[in-house]
Amino acid sequence: MRKLEITLTEEQYQHILAERSYGNRINLEEETFGGYELCLHVGSPDVFPATLEMKMINTIDLGEVEWEFTKLQ
């Protein structure tokens, strides 16, 4: 089995946490169910770096990230 690893900076991680918290609060207030989407944009051929985007209530460009496929041990 393989896994996809995306390396985030601390700032990117905190931004994701803040957006999730905000989105969850809005969903509770409006009594709706929601989720979020992480989109990894990679050029072809697989060039580094890629960019990561998060969609929940808002669409947030998280910027450049490093990524790789690895094998589960």
PDB file of N, CA and C in Angstrom:
ATOM      1  N   MET A   1       0.848  -1.173   0.000  1.00  0.00           N
ATOM      2  CA  MET A   1       0.000   0.000   0.000  1.00  0.00           C
ATOM      3  C   MET A   1       0.895   1.238   0.000  1.00  0.00           C
ATOM      4  N   ARG A   2       0.439   2.257  -0.652  1.00  0.00           N
ATOM      5  CA  ARG A   2       1.182   3.529  -0.739  1.00  0.00           C
ATOM      6  C   ARG A   2       0.442   4.621   0.008  1.00  0.00           C
ATOM      7  N   LYS A   3       1.184   5.633   0.390  1.00  0.00           N
ATOM      8  CA  LYS A   3       0.556   6.807   0.994  1.00  0.00           C
ATOM      9  C   LYS A   3       1.114   8.051   0.331  1.00  0.00           C
ATOM     10  N   LEU A   4       0.351   9.100   0.394  1.00  0.00           N
ATOM     11  CA  LEU A   4       0.737  10.394  -0.138  1.00  0.00           C
ATOM     12  C   LEU A   4       1.123  11.275   1.046  1.00  0.00           C
ATOM     13  N   GLU A   5       2.346  11.773   1.044  1.00  0.00           N
ATOM     14  CA  GLU A   5       2.814  12.668   2.103  1.00  0.00           C
ATOM     15  C   GLU A   5       2.942  14.079   1.547  1.00  0.00           C
ATOM     16  N   ILE A   6       2.353  15.023   2.259  1.00  0.00           N
ATOM     17  CA  ILE A   6       2.449  16.436   1.902  1.00  0.00           C
ATOM     18  C   ILE A   6       3.096  17.138   3.088  1.00  0.00           C
ATOM     19  N   THR A   7       4.206  17.817   2.846  1.00  0.00           N
ATOM     20  CA  THR A   7       4.933  18.513   3.904  1.00  0.00           C
ATOM     21  C   THR A   7       4.466  19.960   3.969  1.00  0.00           C
ATOM     22  N   LEU A   8       3.989  20.350   5.158  1.00  0.00           N
ATOM     23  CA  LEU A   8       3.470  21.699   5.379  1.00  0.00           C
ATOM     24  C   LEU A   8       4.420  22.495   6.263  1.00  0.00           C
ATOM     25  N   THR A   9       4.437  23.796   6.057  1.00  0.00           N
ATOM     26  CA  THR A   9       5.116  24.670   7.006  1.00  0.00           C
ATOM     27  C   THR A   9       4.203  24.843   8.217  1.00  0.00           C
ATOM     28  N   GLU A  10       4.737  25.353   9.296  1.00  0.00           N
ATOM     29  CA  GLU A  10       3.908  25.601  10.489  1.00  0.00           C
ATOM     30  C   GLU A  10       2.806  26.607  10.164  1.00  0.00           C
ATOM     31  N   GLU A  11       3.129  27.615   9.375  1.00  0.00           N
ATOM     32  CA  GLU A  11       2.139  28.626   8.986  1.00  0.00           C
ATOM     33  C   GLU A  11       0.998  28.006   8.183  1.00  0.00           C
ATOM     34  N   GLN A  12       1.324  27.133   7.231  1.00  0.00           N
ATOM     35  CA  GLN A  12       0.289  26.465   6.430  1.00  0.00           C
ATOM     36  C   GLN A  12      -0.597  25.597   7.326  1.00  0.00           C
ATOM     37  N   TYR A  13       0.025  24.862   8.244  1.00  0.00           N
ATOM     38  CA  TYR A  13      -0.719  24.007   9.160  1.00  0.00           C
ATOM     39  C   TYR A  13      -1.669  24.829  10.028  1.00  0.00           C
ATOM     40  N   GLN A  14      -1.184  25.929  10.581  1.00  0.00           N
ATOM     41  CA  GLN A  14      -2.022  26.788  11.417  1.00  0.00           C
ATOM     42  C   GLN A  14      -3.173  27.395  10.611  1.00  0.00           C
ATOM     43  N   HIS A  15      -2.909  27.723   9.357  1.00  0.00           N
ATOM     44  CA  HIS A  15      -3.946  28.277   8.485  1.00  0.00           C
ATOM     45  C   HIS A  15      -5.056  27.243   8.264  1.00  0.00           C
ATOM     46  N   ILE A  16      -4.689  25.979   8.041  1.00  0.00           N
ATOM     47  CA  ILE A  16      -5.665  24.905   7.876  1.00  0.00           C
ATOM     48  C   ILE A  16      -6.492  24.741   9.149  1.00  0.00           C
ATOM     49  N   LEU A  17      -5.826  24.712  10.301  1.00  0.00           N
ATOM     50  CA  LEU A  17      -6.548  24.569  11.565  1.00  0.00           C
ATOM     51  C   LEU A  17      -7.531  25.711  11.790  1.00  0.00           C
ATOM     52  N   ALA A  18      -7.113  26.933  11.492  1.00  0.00           N
ATOM     53  CA  ALA A  18      -7.978  28.098  11.675  1.00  0.00           C
ATOM     54  C   ALA A  18      -9.189  28.029  10.749  1.00  0.00           C
ATOM     55  N   GLU A  19      -8.983  27.646   9.498  1.00  0.00           N
ATOM     56  CA  GLU A  19     -10.092  27.557   8.543  1.00  0.00           C
ATOM     57  C   GLU A  19     -11.058  26.442   8.938  1.00  0.00           C
ATOM     58  N   ARG A  20     -10.531  25.310   9.406  1.00  0.00           N
ATOM     59  CA  ARG A  20     -11.399  24.215   9.869  1.00  0.00           C
ATOM     60  C   ARG A  20     -12.237  24.665  11.058  1.00  0.00           C
ATOM     61  N   SER A  21     -11.622  25.360  11.985  1.00  0.00           N
ATOM     62  CA  SER A  21     -12.338  25.847  13.155  1.00  0.00           C
ATOM     63  C   SER A  21     -13.455  26.809  12.752  1.00  0.00           C
ATOM     64  N   TYR A  22     -13.137  27.736  11.863  1.00  0.00           N
ATOM     65  CA  TYR A  22     -14.124  28.697  11.370  1.00  0.00           C
ATOM     66  C   TYR A  22     -15.258  27.970  10.642  1.00  0.00           C
ATOM     67  N   GLY A  23     -14.908  27.070   9.745  1.00  0.00           N
ATOM     68  CA  GLY A  23     -15.920  26.337   8.979  1.00  0.00           C
ATOM     69  C   GLY A  23     -16.809  25.495   9.865  1.00  0.00           C
ATOM     70  N   ASN A  24     -16.234  24.831  10.857  1.00  0.00           N
ATOM     71  CA  ASN A  24     -17.029  24.024  11.781  1.00  0.00           C
ATOM     72  C   ASN A  24     -17.995  24.887  12.582  1.00  0.00           C
ATOM     73  N   ARG A  25     -17.513  26.065  13.007  1.00  0.00           N
ATOM     74  CA  ARG A  25     -18.374  26.982  13.759  1.00  0.00           C
ATOM     75  C   ARG A  25     -19.554  27.449  12.902  1.00  0.00           C
ATOM     76  N   ILE A  26     -19.294  27.798  11.650  1.00  0.00           N
ATOM     77  CA  ILE A  26     -20.363  28.234  10.741  1.00  0.00           C
ATOM     78  C   ILE A  26     -21.350  27.096  10.511  1.00  0.00           C
ATOM     79  N   ASN A  27     -20.840  25.884  10.278  1.00  0.00           N
ATOM     80  CA  ASN A  27     -21.730  24.741  10.045  1.00  0.00           C
ATOM     81  C   ASN A  27     -22.617  24.471  11.254  1.00  0.00           C
ATOM     82  N   LEU A  28     -22.077  24.583  12.465  1.00  0.00           N
ATOM     83  CA  LEU A  28     -22.890  24.390  13.668  1.00  0.00           C
ATOM     84  C   LEU A  28     -23.943  25.481  13.809  1.00  0.00           C
ATOM     85  N   GLU A  29     -23.561  26.731  13.557  1.00  0.00           N
ATOM     86  CA  GLU A  29     -24.506  27.840  13.660  1.00  0.00           C
ATOM     87  C   GLU A  29     -25.649  27.692  12.663  1.00  0.00           C
ATOM     88  N   GLU A  30     -25.329  27.238  11.466  1.00  0.00           N
ATOM     89  CA  GLU A  30     -26.341  27.109  10.413  1.00  0.00           C
ATOM     90  C   GLU A  30     -26.983  25.727  10.395  1.00  0.00           C
ATOM     91  N   GLU A  31     -26.569  24.875  11.335  1.00  0.00           N
ATOM     92  CA  GLU A  31     -27.086  23.513  11.453  1.00  0.00           C
ATOM     93  C   GLU A  31     -26.992  22.758  10.129  1.00  0.00           C
ATOM     94  N   THR A  32     -25.809  22.829   9.524  1.00  0.00           N
ATOM     95  CA  THR A  32     -25.554  22.118   8.274  1.00  0.00           C
ATOM     96  C   THR A  32     -24.366  21.181   8.461  1.00  0.00           C
ATOM     97  N   PHE A  33     -24.298  20.196   7.599  1.00  0.00           N
ATOM     98  CA  PHE A  33     -23.143  19.313   7.578  1.00  0.00           C
ATOM     99  C   PHE A  33     -22.250  19.755   6.437  1.00  0.00           C
ATOM    100  N   GLY A  34     -21.000  19.760   6.665  1.00  0.00           N
ATOM    101  CA  GLY A  34     -20.077  20.175   5.621  1.00  0.00           C
ATOM    102  C   GLY A  34     -18.771  19.435   5.773  1.00  0.00           C
ATOM    103  N   GLY A  35     -17.903  19.689   4.885  1.00  0.00           N
ATOM    104  CA  GLY A  35     -16.588  19.088   4.921  1.00  0.00           C
ATOM    105  C   GLY A  35     -15.605  20.045   4.280  1.00  0.00           C
ATOM    106  N   TYR A  36     -14.434  19.524   4.013  1.00  0.00           N
ATOM    107  CA  TYR A  36     -13.464  20.356   3.324  1.00  0.00           C
ATOM    108  C   TYR A  36     -12.697  19.500   2.343  1.00  0.00           C
ATOM    109  N   GLU A  37     -12.032  20.175   1.451  1.00  0.00           N
ATOM    110  CA  GLU A  37     -11.330  19.525   0.349  1.00  0.00           C
ATOM    111  C   GLU A  37      -9.914  20.093   0.288  1.00  0.00           C
ATOM    112  N   LEU A  38      -8.947  19.210   0.152  1.00  0.00           N
ATOM    113  CA  LEU A  38      -7.562  19.627  -0.067  1.00  0.00           C
ATOM    114  C   LEU A  38      -7.205  19.274  -1.504  1.00  0.00           C
ATOM    115  N   CYS A  39      -6.751  20.235  -2.274  1.00  0.00           N
ATOM    116  CA  CYS A  39      -6.411  20.026  -3.678  1.00  0.00           C
ATOM    117  C   CYS A  39      -4.918  20.251  -3.869  1.00  0.00           C
ATOM    118  N   LEU A  40      -4.234  19.210  -4.297  1.00  0.00           N
ATOM    119  CA  LEU A  40      -2.810  19.283  -4.591  1.00  0.00           C
ATOM    120  C   LEU A  40      -2.666  19.508  -6.092  1.00  0.00           C
ATOM    121  N   HIS A  41      -2.102  20.622  -6.467  1.00  0.00           N
ATOM    122  CA  HIS A  41      -1.924  20.961  -7.882  1.00  0.00           C
ATOM    123  C   HIS A  41      -0.476  20.680  -8.276  1.00  0.00           C
ATOM    124  N   VAL A  42      -0.299  19.705  -9.163  1.00  0.00           N
ATOM    125  CA  VAL A  42       1.033  19.281  -9.579  1.00  0.00           C
ATOM    126  C   VAL A  42       1.150  19.456 -11.086  1.00  0.00           C
ATOM    127  N   GLY A  43       2.235  20.064 -11.524  1.00  0.00           N
ATOM    128  CA  GLY A  43       2.483  20.199 -12.951  1.00  0.00           C
ATOM    129  C   GLY A  43       2.872  18.863 -13.560  1.00  0.00           C
ATOM    130  N   SER A  44       2.796  18.786 -14.855  1.00  0.00           N
ATOM    131  CA  SER A  44       3.180  17.547 -15.538  1.00  0.00           C
ATOM    132  C   SER A  44       4.313  17.853 -16.497  1.00  0.00           C
ATOM    133  N   PRO A  45       5.413  17.134 -16.453  1.00  0.00           N
ATOM    134  CA  PRO A  45       5.674  15.983 -15.585  1.00  0.00           C
ATOM    135  C   PRO A  45       5.767  16.422 -14.136  1.00  0.00           C
ATOM    136  N   ASP A  46       5.757  15.449 -13.227  1.00  0.00           N
ATOM    137  CA  ASP A  46       5.723  15.747 -11.785  1.00  0.00           C
ATOM    138  C   ASP A  46       6.883  16.653 -11.394  1.00  0.00           C
ATOM    139  N   VAL A  47       6.597  17.924 -11.374  1.00  0.00           N
ATOM    140  CA  VAL A  47       7.628  18.905 -11.020  1.00  0.00           C
ATOM    141  C   VAL A  47       7.387  19.409  -9.604  1.00  0.00           C
ATOM    142  N   PHE A  48       8.455  19.787  -8.968  1.00  0.00           N
ATOM    143  CA  PHE A  48       8.356  20.339  -7.628  1.00  0.00           C
ATOM    144  C   PHE A  48       8.601  21.824  -7.719  1.00  0.00           C
ATOM    145  N   PRO A  49       8.053  22.651  -6.908  1.00  0.00           N
ATOM    146  CA  PRO A  49       7.068  22.279  -5.912  1.00  0.00           C
ATOM    147  C   PRO A  49       5.655  22.302  -6.487  1.00  0.00           C
ATOM    148  N   ALA A  50       4.750  21.686  -5.800  1.00  0.00           N
ATOM    149  CA  ALA A  50       3.336  21.724  -6.128  1.00  0.00           C
ATOM    150  C   ALA A  50       2.690  22.796  -5.254  1.00  0.00           C
ATOM    151  N   THR A  51       1.428  23.087  -5.497  1.00  0.00           N
ATOM    152  CA  THR A  51       0.705  24.019  -4.635  1.00  0.00           C
ATOM    153  C   THR A  51      -0.488  23.307  -4.024  1.00  0.00           C
ATOM    154  N   LEU A  52      -0.895  23.774  -2.855  1.00  0.00           N
ATOM    155  CA  LEU A  52      -1.999  23.167  -2.122  1.00  0.00           C
ATOM    156  C   LEU A  52      -3.075  24.213  -1.892  1.00  0.00           C
ATOM    157  N   GLU A  53      -4.313  23.782  -2.067  1.00  0.00           N
ATOM    158  CA  GLU A  53      -5.462  24.656  -1.897  1.00  0.00           C
ATOM    159  C   GLU A  53      -6.459  23.958  -0.984  1.00  0.00           C
ATOM    160  N   MET A  54      -7.106  24.709  -0.119  1.00  0.00           N
ATOM    161  CA  MET A  54      -8.129  24.163   0.772  1.00  0.00           C
ATOM    162  C   MET A  54      -9.452  24.839   0.476  1.00  0.00           C
ATOM    163  N   LYS A  55     -10.505  24.024   0.345  1.00  0.00           N
ATOM    164  CA  LYS A  55     -11.850  24.554   0.107  1.00  0.00           C
ATOM    165  C   LYS A  55     -12.754  24.095   1.243  1.00  0.00           C
ATOM    166  N   MET A  56     -13.335  25.059   1.933  1.00  0.00           N
ATOM    167  CA  MET A  56     -14.321  24.746   2.968  1.00  0.00           C
ATOM    168  C   MET A  56     -15.402  25.806   2.837  1.00  0.00           C
ATOM    169  N   ILE A  57     -15.422  26.785   3.699  1.00  0.00           N
ATOM    170  CA  ILE A  57     -16.312  27.932   3.524  1.00  0.00           C
ATOM    171  C   ILE A  57     -15.706  28.846   2.459  1.00  0.00           C
ATOM    172  N   ASN A  58     -14.422  29.042   2.549  1.00  0.00           N
ATOM    173  CA  ASN A  58     -13.665  29.850   1.595  1.00  0.00           C
ATOM    174  C   ASN A  58     -12.685  28.936   0.848  1.00  0.00           C
ATOM    175  N   THR A  59     -12.144  29.440  -0.226  1.00  0.00           N
ATOM    176  CA  THR A  59     -11.063  28.738  -0.921  1.00  0.00           C
ATOM    177  C   THR A  59      -9.766  29.450  -0.571  1.00  0.00           C
ATOM    178  N   ILE A  60      -8.815  28.687  -0.024  1.00  0.00           N
ATOM    179  CA  ILE A  60      -7.562  29.268   0.457  1.00  0.00           C
ATOM    180  C   ILE A  60      -6.396  28.648  -0.297  1.00  0.00           C
ATOM    181  N   ASP A  61      -5.567  29.502  -0.874  1.00  0.00           N
ATOM    182  CA  ASP A  61      -4.330  29.041  -1.512  1.00  0.00           C
ATOM    183  C   ASP A  61      -3.269  28.973  -0.427  1.00  0.00           C
ATOM    184  N   LEU A  62      -2.829  27.756  -0.115  1.00  0.00           N
ATOM    185  CA  LEU A  62      -1.841  27.573   0.947  1.00  0.00           C
ATOM    186  C   LEU A  62      -0.413  27.707   0.450  1.00  0.00           C
ATOM    187  N   GLY A  63      -0.242  27.810  -0.852  1.00  0.00           N
ATOM    188  CA  GLY A  63       1.090  28.018  -1.397  1.00  0.00           C
ATOM    189  C   GLY A  63       1.805  26.732  -1.760  1.00  0.00           C
ATOM    190  N   GLU A  64       3.105  26.841  -1.914  1.00  0.00           N
ATOM    191  CA  GLU A  64       3.928  25.725  -2.362  1.00  0.00           C
ATOM    192  C   GLU A  64       4.139  24.703  -1.246  1.00  0.00           C
ATOM    193  N   VAL A  65       4.083  23.436  -1.640  1.00  0.00           N
ATOM    194  CA  VAL A  65       4.335  22.335  -0.713  1.00  0.00           C
ATOM    195  C   VAL A  65       5.196  21.288  -1.399  1.00  0.00           C
ATOM    196  N   GLU A  66       5.882  20.511  -0.597  1.00  0.00           N
ATOM    197  CA  GLU A  66       6.603  19.353  -1.115  1.00  0.00           C
ATOM    198  C   GLU A  66       5.708  18.142  -0.892  1.00  0.00           C
ATOM    199  N   TRP A  67       5.786  17.172  -1.791  1.00  0.00           N
ATOM    200  CA  TRP A  67       4.949  15.984  -1.670  1.00  0.00           C
ATOM    201  C   TRP A  67       5.700  14.788  -2.226  1.00  0.00           C
ATOM    202  N   GLU A  68       5.271  13.598  -1.823  1.00  0.00           N
ATOM    203  CA  GLU A  68       5.845  12.376  -2.365  1.00  0.00           C
ATOM    204  C   GLU A  68       4.949  11.197  -2.035  1.00  0.00           C
ATOM    205  N   PHE A  69       5.040  10.176  -2.875  1.00  0.00           N
ATOM    206  CA  PHE A  69       4.402   8.900  -2.583  1.00  0.00           C
ATOM    207  C   PHE A  69       5.422   8.048  -1.839  1.00  0.00           C
ATOM    208  N   THR A  70       4.991   7.399  -0.773  1.00  0.00           N
ATOM    209  CA  THR A  70       5.880   6.515  -0.026  1.00  0.00           C
ATOM    210  C   THR A  70       5.166   5.201   0.200  1.00  0.00           C
ATOM    211  N   LYS A  71       5.936   4.208   0.557  1.00  0.00           N
ATOM    212  CA  LYS A  71       5.380   2.880   0.808  1.00  0.00           C
ATOM    213  C   LYS A  71       5.142   2.716   2.312  1.00  0.00           C
ATOM    214  N   LEU A  72       3.969   2.214   2.675  1.00  0.00           N
ATOM    215  CA  LEU A  72       3.686   1.944   4.087  1.00  0.00           C
ATOM    216  C   LEU A  72       4.542   0.776   4.547  1.00  0.00           C
ATOM    217  N   GLN A  73       5.030   0.887   5.750  1.00  0.00           N
ATOM    218  CA  GLN A  73       5.883  -0.187   6.278  1.00  0.00           C
ATOM    219  C   GLN A  73       5.115  -1.091   7.205  1.00  0.00           C
TER     220      GLN A  73
END
